Amino acid sequence: MSEYREGPGPAQIVRPYGDTTGDGRIQVSFTLPVPFGTPTQQARAEGAAMQLAAKMGLEPAMVVHAKGMGPDYTFFIVYGRVSHLVDLSQVQVTEREFPLLSSAEVNLRIRSHLGRKLIVVGACIGTDAHTVGIDAILNVKGHSGEKGLEYYREIRVVNLGSQVAVPDLVARAGAEGADAVLVSQVVTQRDAHITNAKEMSAAFDAAASEPEAPARPLLVVGGPRFDPAMAAEIGVDKIFGKGTTPGEVASYLAYALAPDSETPEAA
């Protein structure tokens, strides 16, 4: 796989691997708005896919799968070779800025700093009806062998479920005295997850600006298509991507909402 090696460490310049080491082979999938009905339409559709593959730099390329998606669309899988190299030294990774704590450490930190339970309100907003993600973080059964936030003695969870309107979320968070609001977004067509998150952030900012209004709660969003580096741009405090576990979220909440407590060593 490696094309260049400097010193005894791992290679810094690499090329994709397909059939043999360093052959540059990749597989991509995409949909084009072309029909795949008659033999003539099928040939035209595959020709269009090959044209796109060539413009993407796949040379040679072959259509290994094509299937009509309704009367007007075709889904393709294309296999081909690229000449591009990857410089691993230029890859930027967002490091976790807080230690992972056990449930006992999370509870102790919250109790020592707040002197009460930490209140979390969670929801899927907009038209998003996919609650698997938010339930995995909040429900006691948890995810990946970790108990959800309901398991933590010092955290009170209010799970509003799916398709919650932003004004309703803001109102309920205010009524509950929420310290943190957790929102999961799985529906991402036309960047709906970003639009919804920005709307939520603006709504909480507006509510917090009202006279005698409580401070804005910590805003946390998560979902498979979010970029963790976009938190400031979207207007939220933290973004969690795919593979996040309840323990990570609990540790972050304890870290962010109990900043004056002594931080146990990272696990």
Protein backbone atom coordinates (compact mmCIF):
# COMPACT_ATOMS: atom_id res chain seq x y z
CA MET A 1 0.00 0.00 0.00
CA SER A 2 2.81 2.42 0.77
CA GLU A 3 4.48 4.51 -1.91
CA TYR A 4 6.99 6.36 0.23
CA ARG A 5 8.59 5.68 3.56
CA GLU A 6 10.70 8.01 5.68
CA GLY A 7 12.61 6.50 8.57
CA PRO A 8 11.64 3.41 10.53
CA GLY A 9 8.06 4.52 11.22
CA PRO A 10 4.91 3.91 9.18
CA ALA A 11 4.56 5.18 5.63
CA GLN A 12 3.40 8.78 5.23
CA ILE A 13 2.46 8.62 1.53
CA VAL A 14 -0.01 5.90 0.60
CA ARG A 15 -2.06 4.81 -2.39
CA PRO A 16 -5.44 3.00 -2.40
CA TYR A 17 -5.35 -0.79 -2.32
CA GLY A 18 -7.68 -2.96 -4.42
CA ASP A 19 -6.45 -6.18 -6.01
CA THR A 20 -2.74 -5.81 -5.32
CA THR A 21 -0.63 -3.58 -3.09
CA GLY A 22 -0.40 -0.02 -4.35
CA ASP A 23 -2.56 -0.55 -7.45
CA GLY A 24 -4.65 2.58 -6.77
CA ARG A 25 -7.96 0.77 -7.26
CA ILE A 26 -11.09 2.23 -5.66
CA GLN A 27 -14.83 1.56 -5.77
CA VAL A 28 -17.40 4.35 -5.81
CA SER A 29 -21.19 4.43 -5.93
CA PHE A 30 -23.52 7.14 -7.15
CA THR A 31 -26.94 7.79 -8.71
CA LEU A 32 -27.62 9.59 -11.99
CA PRO A 33 -31.00 10.94 -13.16
CA VAL A 34 -31.09 8.68 -16.22
CA PRO A 35 -33.53 5.79 -16.90
CA PHE A 36 -32.44 2.15 -17.01
CA GLY A 37 -35.31 0.51 -18.84
CA THR A 38 -34.72 -0.56 -22.42
CA PRO A 39 -31.38 -1.97 -23.65
CA THR A 40 -30.69 1.37 -25.35
CA GLN A 41 -31.39 3.25 -22.11
CA GLN A 42 -29.17 0.85 -20.18
CA ALA A 43 -26.27 1.36 -22.60
CA ARG A 44 -26.73 5.14 -22.43
CA ALA A 45 -26.88 5.08 -18.63
CA GLU A 46 -23.69 3.05 -18.33
CA GLY A 47 -22.02 5.36 -20.83
CA ALA A 48 -22.98 8.33 -18.67
CA ALA A 49 -21.52 6.60 -15.60
CA MET A 50 -18.28 5.92 -17.45
CA GLN A 51 -18.07 9.54 -18.54
CA LEU A 52 -18.45 10.70 -14.95
CA ALA A 53 -15.87 8.15 -13.77
CA ALA A 54 -13.37 9.45 -16.33
CA LYS A 55 -13.94 13.04 -15.18
CA MET A 56 -13.35 11.88 -11.60
CA GLY A 57 -9.95 10.54 -12.65
CA LEU A 58 -10.74 6.81 -12.69
CA GLU A 59 -8.72 5.31 -15.54
CA PRO A 60 -9.41 2.62 -16.51
CA ALA A 61 -12.85 2.21 -14.99
CA MET A 62 -15.67 -0.30 -15.30
CA VAL A 63 -19.32 -0.33 -14.27
CA VAL A 64 -19.63 -3.40 -12.05
CA HIS A 65 -23.26 -2.80 -11.05
CA ALA A 66 -26.15 -0.75 -12.43
CA LYS A 67 -29.77 -0.86 -11.29
CA GLY A 68 -32.77 1.27 -12.08
CA MET A 69 -34.17 3.28 -9.17
CA GLY A 70 -37.72 3.95 -10.34
CA PRO A 71 -38.40 5.03 -13.90
CA ASP A 72 -35.96 7.95 -14.07
CA TYR A 73 -32.85 7.12 -11.99
CA THR A 74 -30.02 4.58 -12.04
CA PHE A 75 -27.70 3.53 -9.22
CA PHE A 76 -24.12 2.58 -10.18
CA ILE A 77 -21.09 0.99 -8.62
CA VAL A 78 -17.91 1.76 -10.55
CA TYR A 79 -14.49 0.19 -10.03
CA GLY A 80 -11.36 1.87 -11.33
CA ARG A 81 -7.85 3.14 -10.73
CA VAL A 82 -6.76 6.56 -9.54
CA SER A 83 -3.28 8.08 -9.65
CA HIS A 84 -3.72 10.23 -6.55
CA LEU A 85 -1.61 9.72 -3.43
CA VAL A 86 -2.55 10.40 0.19
CA ASP A 87 -0.17 12.27 2.48
CA LEU A 88 -0.93 11.02 5.98
CA SER A 89 1.18 13.78 7.52
CA GLN A 90 -1.41 16.29 6.27
CA VAL A 91 -4.40 14.53 7.85
CA GLN A 92 -5.89 16.54 10.72
CA VAL A 93 -7.67 14.69 13.50
CA THR A 94 -9.84 16.31 16.16
CA GLU A 95 -8.56 14.97 19.47
CA ARG A 96 -10.91 14.39 22.38
CA GLU A 97 -10.37 17.31 24.76
CA PHE A 98 -11.78 15.67 27.88
CA PRO A 99 -10.99 12.51 29.85
CA LEU A 100 -13.20 9.43 29.74
CA LEU A 101 -14.72 8.92 33.16
CA SER A 102 -16.42 5.96 34.77
CA SER A 103 -20.07 6.31 35.78
CA ALA A 104 -18.99 6.70 39.41
CA GLU A 105 -16.56 9.49 38.48
CA VAL A 106 -19.24 11.25 36.41
CA ASN A 107 -21.71 11.08 39.30
CA LEU A 108 -19.14 12.32 41.81
CA ARG A 109 -18.10 15.22 39.62
CA ILE A 110 -21.68 16.35 39.06
CA ARG A 111 -22.64 15.99 42.72
CA SER A 112 -19.54 17.82 43.93
CA HIS A 113 -19.92 20.75 41.56
CA LEU A 114 -23.66 21.17 41.03
CA GLY A 115 -25.00 19.80 44.31
CA ARG A 116 -28.01 18.50 42.37
CA LYS A 117 -28.84 16.32 39.42
CA LEU A 118 -27.70 17.44 35.98
CA ILE A 119 -30.76 17.82 33.74
CA VAL A 120 -30.55 16.65 30.12
CA VAL A 121 -33.30 17.11 27.53
CA GLY A 122 -32.96 15.06 24.36
CA ALA A 123 -34.86 14.94 21.08
CA CYS A 124 -34.84 14.42 17.33
CA ILE A 125 -35.94 17.71 15.81
CA GLY A 126 -37.67 18.69 12.58
CA THR A 127 -39.10 15.79 10.56
CA ASP A 128 -36.46 13.36 11.82
CA ALA A 129 -38.17 10.24 13.17
CA HIS A 130 -35.02 8.16 13.71
CA THR A 131 -34.68 7.77 17.47
CA VAL A 132 -32.18 4.92 17.51
CA GLY A 133 -29.24 7.29 18.03
CA ILE A 134 -30.75 9.45 20.75
CA ASP A 135 -32.22 6.41 22.51
CA ALA A 136 -28.82 4.67 22.47
CA ILE A 137 -27.32 7.63 24.33
CA LEU A 138 -30.19 8.37 26.71
CA ASN A 139 -31.97 5.10 27.48
CA VAL A 140 -30.68 2.97 30.32
CA LYS A 141 -30.04 0.03 27.97
CA GLY A 142 -27.41 2.14 26.25
CA HIS A 143 -25.17 1.12 23.38
CA SER A 144 -21.99 -0.91 22.74
CA GLY A 145 -22.09 -2.42 26.21
CA GLU A 146 -22.38 0.96 27.95
CA LYS A 147 -25.41 2.10 29.93
CA GLY A 148 -27.19 5.23 28.73
CA LEU A 149 -27.47 8.49 30.64
CA GLU A 150 -30.61 7.30 32.46
CA TYR A 151 -28.31 4.90 34.31
CA TYR A 152 -26.34 7.72 35.92
CA ARG A 153 -27.64 8.52 39.39
CA GLU A 154 -26.80 12.22 39.14
CA ILE A 155 -28.34 12.79 35.69
CA ARG A 156 -32.05 13.31 35.08
CA VAL A 157 -33.05 12.59 31.49
CA VAL A 158 -36.08 13.93 29.63
CA ASN A 159 -36.36 12.18 26.26
CA LEU A 160 -38.86 13.98 24.01
CA GLY A 161 -38.59 11.45 21.18
CA SER A 162 -38.87 12.23 17.48
CA GLN A 163 -40.13 15.02 15.22
CA VAL A 164 -39.97 17.68 17.91
CA ALA A 165 -40.46 21.25 16.71
CA VAL A 166 -37.66 23.60 17.72
CA PRO A 167 -39.97 26.03 19.61
CA ASP A 168 -41.35 23.09 21.59
CA LEU A 169 -37.83 21.92 22.42
CA VAL A 170 -36.84 25.38 23.62
CA ALA A 171 -39.97 25.69 25.74
CA ARG A 172 -39.57 22.25 27.31
CA ALA A 173 -35.88 22.78 28.01
CA GLY A 174 -36.76 26.02 29.79
CA ALA A 175 -39.54 24.38 31.77
CA GLU A 176 -37.26 21.55 32.88
CA GLY A 177 -34.38 23.88 33.70
CA ALA A 178 -32.14 21.92 31.34
CA ASP A 179 -28.41 22.10 31.79
CA ALA A 180 -27.85 20.44 28.42
CA VAL A 181 -29.87 19.72 25.30
CA LEU A 182 -28.93 16.70 23.19
CA VAL A 183 -30.24 16.51 19.63
CA SER A 184 -29.79 13.64 17.19
CA GLN A 185 -30.13 14.13 13.44
CA VAL A 186 -30.06 11.21 11.00
CA VAL A 187 -32.08 12.70 8.13
CA THR A 188 -29.53 14.68 6.11
CA GLN A 189 -31.10 15.28 2.68
CA ARG A 190 -30.22 18.78 1.45
CA ASP A 191 -28.19 19.26 4.62
CA ALA A 192 -31.33 19.22 6.76
CA HIS A 193 -29.24 18.27 9.80
CA ILE A 194 -27.18 21.45 9.51
CA THR A 195 -30.20 23.66 8.84
CA ASN A 196 -32.08 22.21 11.81
CA ALA A 197 -29.09 22.55 14.13
CA LYS A 198 -28.58 26.20 13.17
CA GLU A 199 -32.29 26.89 13.69
CA MET A 200 -32.11 25.30 17.14
CA SER A 201 -29.03 27.29 18.10
CA ALA A 202 -30.61 30.57 16.99
CA ALA A 203 -33.80 29.78 18.89
CA PHE A 204 -31.97 29.07 22.14
CA ASP A 205 -29.87 32.21 21.73
CA ALA A 206 -33.04 34.26 21.22
CA ALA A 207 -34.70 32.71 24.26
CA ALA A 208 -31.64 33.37 26.43
CA SER A 209 -31.61 37.04 25.40
CA GLU A 210 -35.06 37.66 26.88
CA PRO A 211 -35.18 39.65 30.16
CA GLU A 212 -34.63 37.47 33.23
CA ALA A 213 -34.35 34.40 31.04
CA PRO A 214 -32.13 31.54 32.25
CA ALA A 215 -28.76 31.01 30.60
CA ARG A 216 -28.68 29.03 27.39
CA PRO A 217 -28.17 25.33 28.07
CA LEU A 218 -25.23 23.44 26.65
CA LEU A 219 -26.17 22.45 23.08
CA VAL A 220 -24.93 19.09 21.81
CA VAL A 221 -25.79 17.54 18.46
CA GLY A 222 -24.91 14.17 17.00
CA GLY A 223 -25.37 12.14 13.86
CA PRO A 224 -23.45 10.24 11.19
CA ARG A 225 -23.11 13.15 8.77
CA PHE A 226 -21.99 15.87 11.17
CA ASP A 227 -18.41 17.13 11.04
CA PRO A 228 -17.17 17.58 14.64
CA ALA A 229 -15.10 20.57 13.51
CA MET A 230 -18.25 22.53 12.54
CA ALA A 231 -19.54 23.16 16.07
CA ALA A 232 -18.72 26.89 16.10
CA GLU A 233 -20.07 27.38 12.57
CA ILE A 234 -23.38 25.72 13.44
CA GLY A 235 -23.60 27.50 16.78
CA VAL A 236 -23.53 24.53 19.13
CA ASP A 237 -21.12 23.62 21.90
CA LYS A 238 -20.23 20.09 20.83
CA ILE A 239 -20.77 17.72 17.89
CA PHE A 240 -20.53 13.95 18.24
CA GLY A 241 -20.17 11.81 15.13
CA LYS A 242 -20.82 8.16 14.38
CA GLY A 243 -19.68 5.57 16.90
CA THR A 244 -20.17 7.83 19.92
CA THR A 245 -20.93 5.94 23.13
CA PRO A 246 -23.00 7.05 26.15
CA GLY A 247 -19.86 7.14 28.29
CA GLU A 248 -18.27 9.70 25.99
CA VAL A 249 -21.32 11.94 26.18
CA ALA A 250 -21.59 11.61 29.95
CA SER A 251 -17.90 12.39 30.37
CA TYR A 252 -18.21 15.47 28.16
CA LEU A 253 -21.24 16.76 30.09
CA ALA A 254 -19.41 16.33 33.38
CA TYR A 255 -16.33 18.01 31.92
CA ALA A 256 -18.23 20.93 30.40
CA LEU A 257 -20.73 21.58 33.17
CA ALA A 258 -18.46 20.96 36.16
CA PRO A 259 -15.30 22.83 35.12
CA ASP A 260 -14.17 23.69 38.64
CA SER A 261 -14.11 20.12 39.90
CA GLU A 262 -10.93 18.15 40.06
CA THR A 263 -10.58 16.10 36.89
CA PRO A 264 -9.83 12.39 37.44
CA GLU A 265 -7.20 10.84 35.24
CA ALA A 266 -8.37 9.77 31.79
CA ALA A 267 -9.31 6.12 31.52
